[in-house]
PDB file of N, CA and C in Angstrom:
ATOM      1  N   UNK A   1     213.480 -37.988 123.590  1.00  0.00           N
ATOM      2  CA  UNK A   1     212.058 -37.651 123.956  1.00  0.00           C
ATOM      3  C   UNK A   1     212.462 -36.865 125.289  1.00  0.00           C
ATOM      4  N   UNK A   2     211.063 -35.375 124.884  1.00  0.00           N
ATOM      5  CA  UNK A   2     210.856 -34.570 124.844  1.00  0.00           C
ATOM      6  C   UNK A   2     210.732 -34.831 126.383  1.00  0.00           C
ATOM      7  N   UNK A   3     211.263 -33.299 127.068  1.00  0.00           N
ATOM      8  CA  UNK A   3     210.935 -33.397 128.448  1.00  0.00           C
ATOM      9  C   UNK A   3     209.084 -32.586 128.685  1.00  0.00           C
ATOM     10  N   UNK A   4     208.107 -32.798 129.586  1.00  0.00           N
ATOM     11  CA  UNK A   4     207.559 -31.896 130.027  1.00  0.00           C
ATOM     12  C   UNK A   4     207.539 -30.648 130.483  1.00  0.00           C
ATOM     13  N   UNK A   5     206.625 -29.553 129.771  1.00  0.00           N
ATOM     14  CA  UNK A   5     207.969 -28.327 130.961  1.00  0.00           C
ATOM     15  C   UNK A   5     207.372 -28.173 131.993  1.00  0.00           C
ATOM     16  N   UNK A   6     207.773 -27.047 132.638  1.00  0.00           N
ATOM     17  CA  UNK A   6     207.455 -27.566 134.418  1.00  0.00           C
ATOM     18  C   UNK A   6     206.520 -26.435 134.317  1.00  0.00           C
ATOM     19  N   UNK A   7     205.594 -27.343 135.608  1.00  0.00           N
ATOM     20  CA  UNK A   7     204.363 -25.571 135.480  1.00  0.00           C
ATOM     21  C   UNK A   7     204.991 -23.934 136.385  1.00  0.00           C
ATOM     22  N   UNK A   8     204.841 -23.174 135.896  1.00  0.00           N
ATOM     23  CA  UNK A   8     204.831 -22.093 136.782  1.00  0.00           C
ATOM     24  C   UNK A   8     204.564 -22.509 138.409  1.00  0.00           C
ATOM     25  N   UNK A   9     205.060 -22.191 138.947  1.00  0.00           N
ATOM     26  CA  UNK A   9     206.009 -21.642 140.534  1.00  0.00           C
ATOM     27  C   UNK A   9     203.910 -22.208 141.139  1.00  0.00           C
ATOM     28  N   UNK A  10     203.272 -20.787 140.575  1.00  0.00           N
ATOM     29  CA  UNK A  10     202.213 -20.566 140.940  1.00  0.00           C
ATOM     30  C   UNK A  10     200.968 -20.162 139.784  1.00  0.00           C
ATOM     31  N   UNK A  11     200.898 -22.145 139.556  1.00  0.00           N
ATOM     32  CA  UNK A  11     199.735 -22.630 138.635  1.00  0.00           C
ATOM     33  C   UNK A  11     197.982 -21.466 138.339  1.00  0.00           C
ATOM     34  N   UNK A  12     198.206 -21.045 139.236  1.00  0.00           N
ATOM     35  CA  UNK A  12     196.816 -19.597 139.131  1.00  0.00           C
ATOM     36  C   UNK A  12     197.006 -19.251 138.031  1.00  0.00           C
ATOM     37  N   UNK A  13     196.311 -19.285 137.203  1.00  0.00           N
ATOM     38  CA  UNK A  13     195.711 -19.100 135.585  1.00  0.00           C
ATOM     39  C   UNK A  13     196.481 -17.717 135.829  1.00  0.00           C
ATOM     40  N   UNK A  14     195.192 -16.693 137.099  1.00  0.00           N
ATOM     41  CA  UNK A  14     195.366 -14.966 137.444  1.00  0.00           C
ATOM     42  C   UNK A  14     196.688 -14.714 137.480  1.00  0.00           C
ATOM     43  N   UNK A  15     197.565 -15.636 137.627  1.00  0.00           N
ATOM     44  CA  UNK A  15     198.755 -14.575 138.154  1.00  0.00           C
ATOM     45  C   UNK A  15     199.570 -14.713 137.024  1.00  0.00           C
ATOM     46  N   UNK A  16     199.105 -15.872 135.506  1.00  0.00           N
ATOM     47  CA  UNK A  16     199.741 -16.444 134.241  1.00  0.00           C
ATOM     48  C   UNK A  16     199.388 -15.493 133.478  1.00  0.00           C
ATOM     49  N   UNK A  17     197.851 -14.564 133.457  1.00  0.00           N
ATOM     50  CA  UNK A  17     197.390 -13.553 133.598  1.00  0.00           C
ATOM     51  C   UNK A  17     198.443 -12.057 133.498  1.00  0.00           C
ATOM     52  N   UNK A  18     198.087 -12.215 134.895  1.00  0.00           N
ATOM     53  CA  UNK A  18     199.577 -11.188 134.818  1.00  0.00           C
ATOM     54  C   UNK A  18     200.512 -10.631 134.616  1.00  0.00           C
ATOM     55  N   UNK A  19     201.090 -12.091 134.478  1.00  0.00           N
ATOM     56  CA  UNK A  19     202.951 -12.190 133.639  1.00  0.00           C
ATOM     57  C   UNK A  19     202.827 -11.824 132.220  1.00  0.00           C
ATOM     58  N   UNK A  20     202.318 -12.003 131.738  1.00  0.00           N
ATOM     59  CA  UNK A  20     202.564 -11.684 130.627  1.00  0.00           C
ATOM     60  C   UNK A  20     202.125 -10.857 130.223  1.00  0.00           C
ATOM     61  N   UNK A  21     200.692 -10.186 130.767  1.00  0.00           N
ATOM     62  CA  UNK A  21     200.500  -8.901 130.740  1.00  0.00           C
ATOM     63  C   UNK A  21     201.430  -7.836 130.883  1.00  0.00           C
ATOM     64  N   UNK A  22     202.338  -8.686 131.445  1.00  0.00           N
ATOM     65  CA  UNK A  22     203.220  -6.841 132.343  1.00  0.00           C
ATOM     66  C   UNK A  22     204.195  -6.900 131.294  1.00  0.00           C
ATOM     67  N   UNK A  23     204.572  -7.766 130.302  1.00  0.00           N
ATOM     68  CA  UNK A  23     205.562  -8.480 129.406  1.00  0.00           C
ATOM     69  C   UNK A  23     204.554  -7.458 127.780  1.00  0.00           C
ATOM     70  N   UNK A  24     203.656  -7.632 127.950  1.00  0.00           N
ATOM     71  CA  UNK A  24     202.745  -7.021 126.497  1.00  0.00           C
ATOM     72  C   UNK A  24     202.213  -5.789 127.244  1.00  0.00           C
ATOM     73  N   UNK A  25     202.413  -5.145 127.986  1.00  0.00           N
ATOM     74  CA  UNK A  25     202.037  -3.882 128.539  1.00  0.00           C
ATOM     75  C   UNK A  25     202.602  -2.693 127.602  1.00  0.00           C
ATOM     76  N   UNK A  26     203.827  -2.474 126.481  1.00  0.00           N
ATOM     77  CA  UNK A  26     203.986  -2.073 125.803  1.00  0.00           C
ATOM     78  C   UNK A  26     203.792  -2.297 124.787  1.00  0.00           C
ATOM     79  N   UNK A  27     203.099  -3.271 123.896  1.00  0.00           N
ATOM     80  CA  UNK A  27     202.666  -3.069 122.662  1.00  0.00           C
ATOM     81  C   UNK A  27     200.941  -2.978 123.012  1.00  0.00           C
ATOM     82  N   UNK A  28     200.632  -3.315 124.237  1.00  0.00           N
ATOM     83  CA  UNK A  28     199.287  -2.746 124.228  1.00  0.00           C
ATOM     84  C   UNK A  28     198.951  -1.645 124.342  1.00  0.00           C
ATOM     85  N   UNK A  29     200.389  -0.689 124.788  1.00  0.00           N
ATOM     86  CA  UNK A  29     200.411   0.962 125.321  1.00  0.00           C
ATOM     87  C   UNK A  29     200.189   1.153 126.217  1.00  0.00           C
ATOM     88  N   UNK A  30     200.361   0.622 127.571  1.00  0.00           N
ATOM     89  CA  UNK A  30     200.345   1.285 128.670  1.00  0.00           C
ATOM     90  C   UNK A  30     201.433   1.369 129.019  1.00  0.00           C
ATOM     91  N   UNK A  31     202.469   1.033 128.449  1.00  0.00           N
ATOM     92  CA  UNK A  31     204.537   1.159 129.121  1.00  0.00           C
ATOM     93  C   UNK A  31     204.873   0.351 129.890  1.00  0.00           C
ATOM     94  N   UNK A  32     205.043   1.653 131.779  1.00  0.00           N
ATOM     95  CA  UNK A  32     205.997   0.636 132.189  1.00  0.00           C
ATOM     96  C   UNK A  32     204.762   1.396 133.464  1.00  0.00           C
ATOM     97  N   UNK A  33     203.953   1.564 133.707  1.00  0.00           N
ATOM     98  CA  UNK A  33     202.418   1.746 134.702  1.00  0.00           C
ATOM     99  C   UNK A  33     201.668   0.581 135.031  1.00  0.00           C
ATOM    100  N   UNK A  34     201.399  -0.785 133.524  1.00  0.00           N
ATOM    101  CA  UNK A  34     201.279  -1.791 134.588  1.00  0.00           C
ATOM    102  C   UNK A  34     202.169  -2.933 135.181  1.00  0.00           C
ATOM    103  N   UNK A  35     202.624  -2.801 134.703  1.00  0.00           N
ATOM    104  CA  UNK A  35     204.254  -4.336 135.474  1.00  0.00           C
ATOM    105  C   UNK A  35     204.643  -2.950 136.374  1.00  0.00           C
ATOM    106  N   UNK A  36     204.682  -2.191 137.072  1.00  0.00           N
ATOM    107  CA  UNK A  36     205.251  -1.448 137.717  1.00  0.00           C
ATOM    108  C   UNK A  36     203.499  -1.604 139.028  1.00  0.00           C
ATOM    109  N   UNK A  37     202.675  -1.290 138.603  1.00  0.00           N
ATOM    110  CA  UNK A  37     201.495  -1.660 139.722  1.00  0.00           C
ATOM    111  C   UNK A  37     201.742  -2.747 140.439  1.00  0.00           C
ATOM    112  N   UNK A  38     201.672  -3.801 138.884  1.00  0.00           N
ATOM    113  CA  UNK A  38     201.703  -5.869 139.062  1.00  0.00           C
ATOM    114  C   UNK A  38     202.504  -5.736 140.382  1.00  0.00           C
ATOM    115  N   UNK A  39     203.640  -5.190 139.784  1.00  0.00           N
ATOM    116  CA  UNK A  39     204.835  -5.297 140.944  1.00  0.00           C
ATOM    117  C   UNK A  39     204.350  -4.902 142.160  1.00  0.00           C
ATOM    118  N   UNK A  40     204.008  -3.488 142.916  1.00  0.00           N
ATOM    119  CA  UNK A  40     204.004  -2.983 143.897  1.00  0.00           C
ATOM    120  C   UNK A  40     202.504  -4.216 144.654  1.00  0.00           C
ATOM    121  N   UNK A  41     201.532  -4.541 143.299  1.00  0.00           N
ATOM    122  CA  UNK A  41     200.448  -5.198 144.567  1.00  0.00           C
ATOM    123  C   UNK A  41     201.036  -6.703 144.513  1.00  0.00           C
ATOM    124  N   UNK A  42     201.620  -7.537 143.497  1.00  0.00           N
ATOM    125  CA  UNK A  42     202.175  -8.434 143.736  1.00  0.00           C
ATOM    126  C   UNK A  42     203.421  -9.383 144.467  1.00  0.00           C
ATOM    127  N   UNK A  43     204.025  -8.470 145.122  1.00  0.00           N
ATOM    128  CA  UNK A  43     205.422  -8.246 145.269  1.00  0.00           C
ATOM    129  C   UNK A  43     205.536  -9.126 146.518  1.00  0.00           C
ATOM    130  N   UNK A  44     204.468  -9.181 147.741  1.00  0.00           N
ATOM    131  CA  UNK A  44     204.408 -10.302 149.149  1.00  0.00           C
ATOM    132  C   UNK A  44     203.653 -11.363 147.807  1.00  0.00           C
ATOM    133  N   UNK A  45     203.042 -11.275 147.798  1.00  0.00           N
ATOM    134  CA  UNK A  45     202.244 -12.669 147.603  1.00  0.00           C
ATOM    135  C   UNK A  45     202.541 -13.236 146.326  1.00  0.00           C
ATOM    136  N   UNK A  46     203.042 -12.689 145.294  1.00  0.00           N
ATOM    137  CA  UNK A  46     203.264 -14.322 143.757  1.00  0.00           C
ATOM    138  C   UNK A  46     204.957 -14.008 143.352  1.00  0.00           C
ATOM    139  N   UNK A  47     205.600 -14.144 144.068  1.00  0.00           N
ATOM    140  CA  UNK A  47     206.621 -13.724 143.683  1.00  0.00           C
ATOM    141  C   UNK A  47     207.653 -13.942 142.514  1.00  0.00           C
ATOM    142  N   UNK A  48     206.806 -14.884 142.235  1.00  0.00           N
ATOM    143  CA  UNK A  48     206.911 -15.649 140.514  1.00  0.00           C
ATOM    144  C   UNK A  48     207.290 -14.382 139.977  1.00  0.00           C
ATOM    145  N   UNK A  49     204.947 -13.965 139.627  1.00  0.00           N
ATOM    146  CA  UNK A  49     204.688 -12.641 139.253  1.00  0.00           C
ATOM    147  C   UNK A  49     205.828 -11.849 138.896  1.00  0.00           C
ATOM    148  N   UNK A  50     205.957 -10.798 140.654  1.00  0.00           N
ATOM    149  CA  UNK A  50     206.858 -10.008 140.958  1.00  0.00           C
ATOM    150  C   UNK A  50     207.208  -9.751 140.218  1.00  0.00           C
ATOM    151  N   UNK A  51     208.736 -10.344 140.530  1.00  0.00           N
ATOM    152  CA  UNK A  51     209.923 -11.118 139.420  1.00  0.00           C
ATOM    153  C   UNK A  51     209.429 -10.183 137.352  1.00  0.00           C
ATOM    154  N   UNK A  52     208.647 -11.063 137.011  1.00  0.00           N
ATOM    155  CA  UNK A  52     208.358 -11.062 136.052  1.00  0.00           C
ATOM    156  C   UNK A  52     208.279  -9.385 135.762  1.00  0.00           C
ATOM    157  N   UNK A  53     207.123  -8.712 136.313  1.00  0.00           N
ATOM    158  CA  UNK A  53     206.873  -7.522 137.035  1.00  0.00           C
ATOM    159  C   UNK A  53     207.774  -6.506 136.867  1.00  0.00           C
ATOM    160  N   UNK A  54     208.617  -6.640 137.512  1.00  0.00           N
ATOM    161  CA  UNK A  54     209.976  -6.267 137.483  1.00  0.00           C
ATOM    162  C   UNK A  54     211.040  -6.269 136.898  1.00  0.00           C
ATOM    163  N   UNK A  55     211.291  -7.150 136.014  1.00  0.00           N
ATOM    164  CA  UNK A  55     211.789  -7.927 134.879  1.00  0.00           C
ATOM    165  C   UNK A  55     210.752  -6.613 133.693  1.00  0.00           C
ATOM    166  N   UNK A  56     210.064  -6.261 133.235  1.00  0.00           N
ATOM    167  CA  UNK A  56     209.170  -6.148 132.204  1.00  0.00           C
ATOM    168  C   UNK A  56     209.330  -4.673 132.473  1.00  0.00           C
ATOM    169  N   UNK A  57     209.638  -3.334 133.846  1.00  0.00           N
ATOM    170  CA  UNK A  57     209.546  -2.181 133.927  1.00  0.00           C
ATOM    171  C   UNK A  57     211.369  -1.998 134.264  1.00  0.00           C
ATOM    172  N   UNK A  58     211.795  -2.959 134.085  1.00  0.00           N
ATOM    173  CA  UNK A  58     213.291  -2.609 133.891  1.00  0.00           C
ATOM    174  C   UNK A  58     213.284  -2.344 132.539  1.00  0.00           C
ATOM    175  N   UNK A  59     212.409  -3.407 132.061  1.00  0.00           N
ATOM    176  CA  UNK A  59     213.011  -3.186 130.740  1.00  0.00           C
ATOM    177  C   UNK A  59     212.016  -1.555 130.104  1.00  0.00           C
ATOM    178  N   UNK A  60     211.351  -1.498 130.290  1.00  0.00           N
ATOM    179  CA  UNK A  60     210.511  -0.218 129.729  1.00  0.00           C
ATOM    180  C   UNK A  60     210.457   0.836 130.250  1.00  0.00           C
ATOM    181  N   UNK A  61     211.508   0.754 131.291  1.00  0.00           N
ATOM    182  CA  UNK A  61     212.578   2.131 131.299  1.00  0.00           C
ATOM    183  C   UNK A  61     213.905   2.295 130.930  1.00  0.00           C
ATOM    184  N   UNK A  62     214.343   1.285 130.798  1.00  0.00           N
ATOM    185  CA  UNK A  62     215.327   1.035 129.447  1.00  0.00           C
ATOM    186  C   UNK A  62     215.042   1.796 128.111  1.00  0.00           C
ATOM    187  N   UNK A  63     213.849   0.837 128.000  1.00  0.00           N
ATOM    188  CA  UNK A  63     213.144   1.330 126.602  1.00  0.00           C
ATOM    189  C   UNK A  63     213.384   3.036 126.025  1.00  0.00           C
ATOM    190  N   UNK A  64     212.712   3.503 127.075  1.00  0.00           N
ATOM    191  CA  UNK A  64     212.564   4.450 127.328  1.00  0.00           C
ATOM    192  C   UNK A  64     214.028   5.864 127.822  1.00  0.00           C
ATOM    193  N   UNK A  65     214.559   5.939 128.066  1.00  0.00           N
ATOM    194  CA  UNK A  65     216.704   6.015 128.352  1.00  0.00           C
ATOM    195  C   UNK A  65     216.767   5.708 126.754  1.00  0.00           C
ATOM    196  N   UNK A  66     215.841   4.885 125.756  1.00  0.00           N
ATOM    197  CA  UNK A  66     217.300   5.057 124.926  1.00  0.00           C
ATOM    198  C   UNK A  66     216.587   5.901 123.264  1.00  0.00           C
ATOM    199  N   UNK A  67     215.073   5.087 123.942  1.00  0.00           N
ATOM    200  CA  UNK A  67     214.435   6.328 123.378  1.00  0.00           C
ATOM    201  C   UNK A  67     214.379   8.214 123.039  1.00  0.00           C
ATOM    202  N   UNK A  68     215.046   8.264 124.112  1.00  0.00           N
ATOM    203  CA  UNK A  68     215.084   9.960 124.195  1.00  0.00           C
ATOM    204  C   UNK A  68     216.539   9.530 124.215  1.00  0.00           C
ATOM    205  N   UNK A  69     217.454   9.449 124.117  1.00  0.00           N
ATOM    206  CA  UNK A  69     218.727   9.021 123.310  1.00  0.00           C
ATOM    207  C   UNK A  69     218.932   8.888 121.770  1.00  0.00           C
ATOM    208  N   UNK A  70     217.442   8.375 121.103  1.00  0.00           N
ATOM    209  CA  UNK A  70     217.093   7.779 119.567  1.00  0.00           C
ATOM    210  C   UNK A  70     217.332   9.954 119.447  1.00  0.00           C
ATOM    211  N   UNK A  71     216.047  10.424 119.724  1.00  0.00           N
ATOM    212  CA  UNK A  71     215.054  11.134 119.829  1.00  0.00           C
ATOM    213  C   UNK A  71     216.491  13.125 119.691  1.00  0.00           C
ATOM    214  N   UNK A  72     217.671  12.479 120.934  1.00  0.00           N
ATOM    215  CA  UNK A  72     218.367  14.186 120.513  1.00  0.00           C
ATOM    216  C   UNK A  72     219.309  13.496 119.758  1.00  0.00           C
ATOM    217  N   UNK A  73     219.853  11.876 119.570  1.00  0.00           N
ATOM    218  CA  UNK A  73     220.425  11.242 118.226  1.00  0.00           C
ATOM    219  C   UNK A  73     219.396  11.701 116.445  1.00  0.00           C
ATOM    220  N   UNK A  74     217.984  12.127 116.635  1.00  0.00           N
ATOM    221  CA  UNK A  74     217.717  12.401 115.341  1.00  0.00           C
ATOM    222  C   UNK A  74     218.128  14.205 115.122  1.00  0.00           C
ATOM    223  N   UNK A  75     218.477  14.431 115.451  1.00  0.00           N
ATOM    224  CA  UNK A  75     218.586  15.629 115.334  1.00  0.00           C
ATOM    225  C   UNK A  75     220.073  16.100 114.171  1.00  0.00           C
ATOM    226  N   UNK A  76     221.089  14.703 114.162  1.00  0.00           N
ATOM    227  CA  UNK A  76     221.508  14.273 113.229  1.00  0.00           C
ATOM    228  C   UNK A  76     221.319  13.672 112.344  1.00  0.00           C
ATOM    229  N   UNK A  77     220.410  13.644 112.265  1.00  0.00           N
ATOM    230  CA  UNK A  77     219.467  11.900 111.572  1.00  0.00           C
ATOM    231  C   UNK A  77     219.525  11.028 111.661  1.00  0.00           C
ATOM    232  N   UNK A  78     220.776  10.137 112.265  1.00  0.00           N
ATOM    233  CA  UNK A  78     220.546   8.780 112.975  1.00  0.00           C
ATOM    234  C   UNK A  78     219.652   8.895 113.611  1.00  0.00           C
ATOM    235  N   UNK A  79     219.027   8.991 114.390  1.00  0.00           N
ATOM    236  CA  UNK A  79     218.316   8.797 115.468  1.00  0.00           C
ATOM    237  C   UNK A  79     216.999   8.206 115.086  1.00  0.00           C
ATOM    238  N   UNK A  80     216.929   8.764 114.107  1.00  0.00           N
ATOM    239  CA  UNK A  80     214.916   8.037 114.177  1.00  0.00           C
ATOM    240  C   UNK A  80     215.970   6.363 112.810  1.00  0.00           C
ATOM    241  N   UNK A  81     216.505   6.514 112.329  1.00  0.00           N
ATOM    242  CA  UNK A  81     216.941   4.572 111.846  1.00  0.00           C
ATOM    243  C   UNK A  81     217.126   4.437 113.436  1.00  0.00           C
ATOM    244  N   UNK A  82     217.452   4.267 114.120  1.00  0.00           N
ATOM    245  CA  UNK A  82     217.467   3.402 115.744  1.00  0.00           C
ATOM    246  C   UNK A  82     216.751   3.635 116.161  1.00  0.00           C
ATOM    247  N   UNK A  83     215.404   4.265 116.412  1.00  0.00           N
ATOM    248  CA  UNK A  83     214.710   4.487 117.059  1.00  0.00           C
ATOM    249  C   UNK A  83     213.352   3.241 116.239  1.00  0.00           C
ATOM    250  N   UNK A  84     213.013   3.290 114.481  1.00  0.00           N
ATOM    251  CA  UNK A  84     212.562   2.564 114.349  1.00  0.00           C
ATOM    252  C   UNK A  84     213.177   0.454 115.264  1.00  0.00           C
ATOM    253  N   UNK A  85     214.592   0.756 114.207  1.00  0.00           N
ATOM    254  CA  UNK A  85     215.356  -0.492 115.011  1.00  0.00           C
ATOM    255  C   UNK A  85     214.727  -0.920 116.210  1.00  0.00           C
ATOM    256  N   UNK A  86     214.562   0.162 117.327  1.00  0.00           N
ATOM    257  CA  UNK A  86     214.522   0.429 119.130  1.00  0.00           C
ATOM    258  C   UNK A  86     213.340  -0.211 119.581  1.00  0.00           C
ATOM    259  N   UNK A  87     212.447   0.355 118.505  1.00  0.00           N
ATOM    260  CA  UNK A  87     210.827   0.161 118.617  1.00  0.00           C
ATOM    261  C   UNK A  87     210.125  -1.738 117.489  1.00  0.00           C
ATOM    262  N   UNK A  88     211.217  -2.057 116.530  1.00  0.00           N
ATOM    263  CA  UNK A  88     210.870  -3.493 116.082  1.00  0.00           C
ATOM    264  C   UNK A  88     211.671  -4.073 117.297  1.00  0.00           C
ATOM    265  N   UNK A  89     212.267  -3.794 117.530  1.00  0.00           N
ATOM    266  CA  UNK A  89     213.488  -5.059 119.357  1.00  0.00           C
ATOM    267  C   UNK A  89     212.715  -4.823 119.960  1.00  0.00           C
ATOM    268  N   UNK A  90     212.050  -4.531 120.430  1.00  0.00           N
ATOM    269  CA  UNK A  90     210.822  -3.934 121.677  1.00  0.00           C
ATOM    270  C   UNK A  90     209.863  -4.407 121.083  1.00  0.00           C
ATOM    271  N   UNK A  91     209.766  -4.841 120.555  1.00  0.00           N
ATOM    272  CA  UNK A  91     207.820  -5.694 120.547  1.00  0.00           C
ATOM    273  C   UNK A  91     208.835  -6.882 120.287  1.00  0.00           C
ATOM    274  N   UNK A  92     209.849  -7.241 119.712  1.00  0.00           N
ATOM    275  CA  UNK A  92     210.373  -8.808 119.190  1.00  0.00           C
ATOM    276  C   UNK A  92     211.042  -9.287 120.612  1.00  0.00           C
ATOM    277  N   UNK A  93     210.855  -8.548 121.385  1.00  0.00           N
ATOM    278  CA  UNK A  93     211.265  -8.592 122.419  1.00  0.00           C
ATOM    279  C   UNK A  93     210.554  -9.127 124.096  1.00  0.00           C
ATOM    280  N   UNK A  94     209.045  -8.560 123.581  1.00  0.00           N
ATOM    281  CA  UNK A  94     208.340  -8.397 124.769  1.00  0.00           C
ATOM    282  C   UNK A  94     207.125  -9.080 124.039  1.00  0.00           C
ATOM    283  N   UNK A  95     207.229  -9.692 122.573  1.00  0.00           N
ATOM    284  CA  UNK A  95     206.554 -11.119 122.381  1.00  0.00           C
ATOM    285  C   UNK A  95     206.917 -12.187 122.954  1.00  0.00           C
ATOM    286  N   UNK A  96     208.408 -12.435 122.570  1.00  0.00           N
ATOM    287  CA  UNK A  96     209.379 -13.436 123.157  1.00  0.00           C
ATOM    288  C   UNK A  96     209.352 -13.598 124.516  1.00  0.00           C
ATOM    289  N   UNK A  97     208.937 -12.254 125.272  1.00  0.00           N
ATOM    290  CA  UNK A  97     209.455 -12.354 127.209  1.00  0.00           C
ATOM    291  C   UNK A  97     207.898 -13.560 127.189  1.00  0.00           C
ATOM    292  N   UNK A  98     206.606 -12.919 126.909  1.00  0.00           N
ATOM    293  CA  UNK A  98     205.444 -13.313 126.757  1.00  0.00           C
ATOM    294  C   UNK A  98     205.522 -14.776 126.432  1.00  0.00           C
ATOM    295  N   UNK A  99     206.300 -15.746 126.102  1.00  0.00           N
ATOM    296  CA  UNK A  99     205.859 -16.258 125.512  1.00  0.00           C
ATOM    297  C   UNK A  99     206.148 -17.152 125.929  1.00  0.00           C
ATOM    298  N   UNK A 100     207.502 -17.673 126.096  1.00  0.00           N
ATOM    299  CA  UNK A 100     208.269 -17.573 127.284  1.00  0.00           C
ATOM    300  C   UNK A 100     207.665 -17.611 128.648  1.00  0.00           C
ATOM    301  N   UNK A 101     207.314 -16.649 128.940  1.00  0.00           N
ATOM    302  CA  UNK A 101     206.707 -16.180 131.171  1.00  0.00           C
ATOM    303  C   UNK A 101     205.151 -17.257 130.408  1.00  0.00           C
ATOM    304  N   UNK A 102     204.545 -17.295 129.132  1.00  0.00           N
ATOM    305  CA  UNK A 102     203.757 -18.177 130.075  1.00  0.00           C
ATOM    306  C   UNK A 102     203.994 -19.756 129.631  1.00  0.00           C
ATOM    307  N   UNK A 103     205.091 -20.000 129.973  1.00  0.00           N
ATOM    308  CA  UNK A 103     205.867 -21.819 129.387  1.00  0.00           C
ATOM    309  C   UNK A 103     206.307 -21.646 131.142  1.00  0.00           C
ATOM    310  N   UNK A 104     206.186 -20.474 131.558  1.00  0.00           N
ATOM    311  CA  UNK A 104     206.505 -20.820 133.512  1.00  0.00           C
ATOM    312  C   UNK A 104     208.041 -20.664 133.526  1.00  0.00           C
ATOM    313  N   UNK A 105     208.527 -20.081 132.578  1.00  0.00           N
ATOM    314  CA  UNK A 105     210.162 -19.890 132.379  1.00  0.00           C
ATOM    315  C   UNK A 105     210.496 -17.820 132.766  1.00  0.00           C
ATOM    316  N   UNK A 106     211.639 -17.649 133.258  1.00  0.00           N
ATOM    317  CA  UNK A 106     211.635 -16.270 133.813  1.00  0.00           C
ATOM    318  C   UNK A 106     213.214 -15.892 132.479  1.00  0.00           C
ATOM    319  N   UNK A 107     212.585 -15.044 131.969  1.00  0.00           N
ATOM    320  CA  UNK A 107     213.045 -14.147 130.720  1.00  0.00           C
ATOM    321  C   UNK A 107     214.062 -13.082 131.600  1.00  0.00           C
ATOM    322  N   UNK A 108     214.371 -12.948 130.719  1.00  0.00           N
ATOM    323  CA  UNK A 108     216.100 -11.414 131.298  1.00  0.00           C
ATOM    324  C   UNK A 108     215.608 -11.945 130.023  1.00  0.00           C
ATOM    325  N   UNK A 109     215.362  -9.651 129.458  1.00  0.00           N
ATOM    326  CA  UNK A 109     215.641  -8.959 128.151  1.00  0.00           C
ATOM    327  C   UNK A 109     217.481  -8.157 128.002  1.00  0.00           C
ATOM    328  N   UNK A 110     217.892  -8.581 127.664  1.00  0.00           N
ATOM    329  CA  UNK A 110     218.861  -8.908 126.778  1.00  0.00           C
ATOM    330  C   UNK A 110     219.130  -6.511 127.075  1.00  0.00           C
ATOM    331  N   UNK A 111     220.417  -5.797 127.187  1.00  0.00           N
ATOM    332  CA  UNK A 111     220.273  -4.565 126.885  1.00  0.00           C
ATOM    333  C   UNK A 111     219.384  -3.833 128.162  1.00  0.00           C
ATOM    334  N   UNK A 112     219.293  -4.555 129.161  1.00  0.00           N
ATOM    335  CA  UNK A 112     218.876  -3.754 129.868  1.00  0.00           C
ATOM    336  C   UNK A 112     219.372  -3.139 130.913  1.00  0.00           C
ATOM    337  N   UNK A 113     219.171  -1.997 131.671  1.00  0.00           N
ATOM    338  CA  UNK A 113     219.090  -1.711 132.293  1.00  0.00           C
ATOM    339  C   UNK A 113     218.535  -1.870 134.185  1.00  0.00           C
ATOM    340  N   UNK A 114     219.167  -1.963 134.667  1.00  0.00           N
ATOM    341  CA  UNK A 114     218.469  -2.896 136.050  1.00  0.00           C
ATOM    342  C   UNK A 114     218.340  -1.975 137.019  1.00  0.00           C
ATOM    343  N   UNK A 115     217.591  -0.484 136.661  1.00  0.00           N
ATOM    344  CA  UNK A 115     217.249   0.128 138.031  1.00  0.00           C
ATOM    345  C   UNK A 115     216.485  -0.414 139.465  1.00  0.00           C
ATOM    346  N   UNK A 116     215.371  -1.126 138.993  1.00  0.00           N
ATOM    347  CA  UNK A 116     214.625  -1.632 140.146  1.00  0.00           C
ATOM    348  C   UNK A 116     215.715  -3.651 140.639  1.00  0.00           C
ATOM    349  N   UNK A 117     216.442  -3.394 141.402  1.00  0.00           N
ATOM    350  CA  UNK A 117     216.916  -5.363 141.962  1.00  0.00           C
ATOM    351  C   UNK A 117     215.805  -5.124 143.190  1.00  0.00           C
TER     352      UNK A 117
END
């Protein structure tokens, strides 16, 4: 028998929307700005939301660093396919993170540099 999924620590629907938007910010085109703002605003009043925003922010910063690496490697033509794989991976991981966070689960992105602790 399936166990019910645990509710969000803060079951406020606005908080859930901020959590999902922080993970999808790369997809909707605002990059690391939205998770940064959410983290700075919510870090005192909503720790669950701030933790998700911090994780998304670390992922977006890591993505930017990896994209610069692909740009440098594009001089040798290997960077172009690597950049395509990076973008597809970022899209898939962002969607997975948004779905899991909507269920109230803390998602940790793989291969993310944890710059903001």
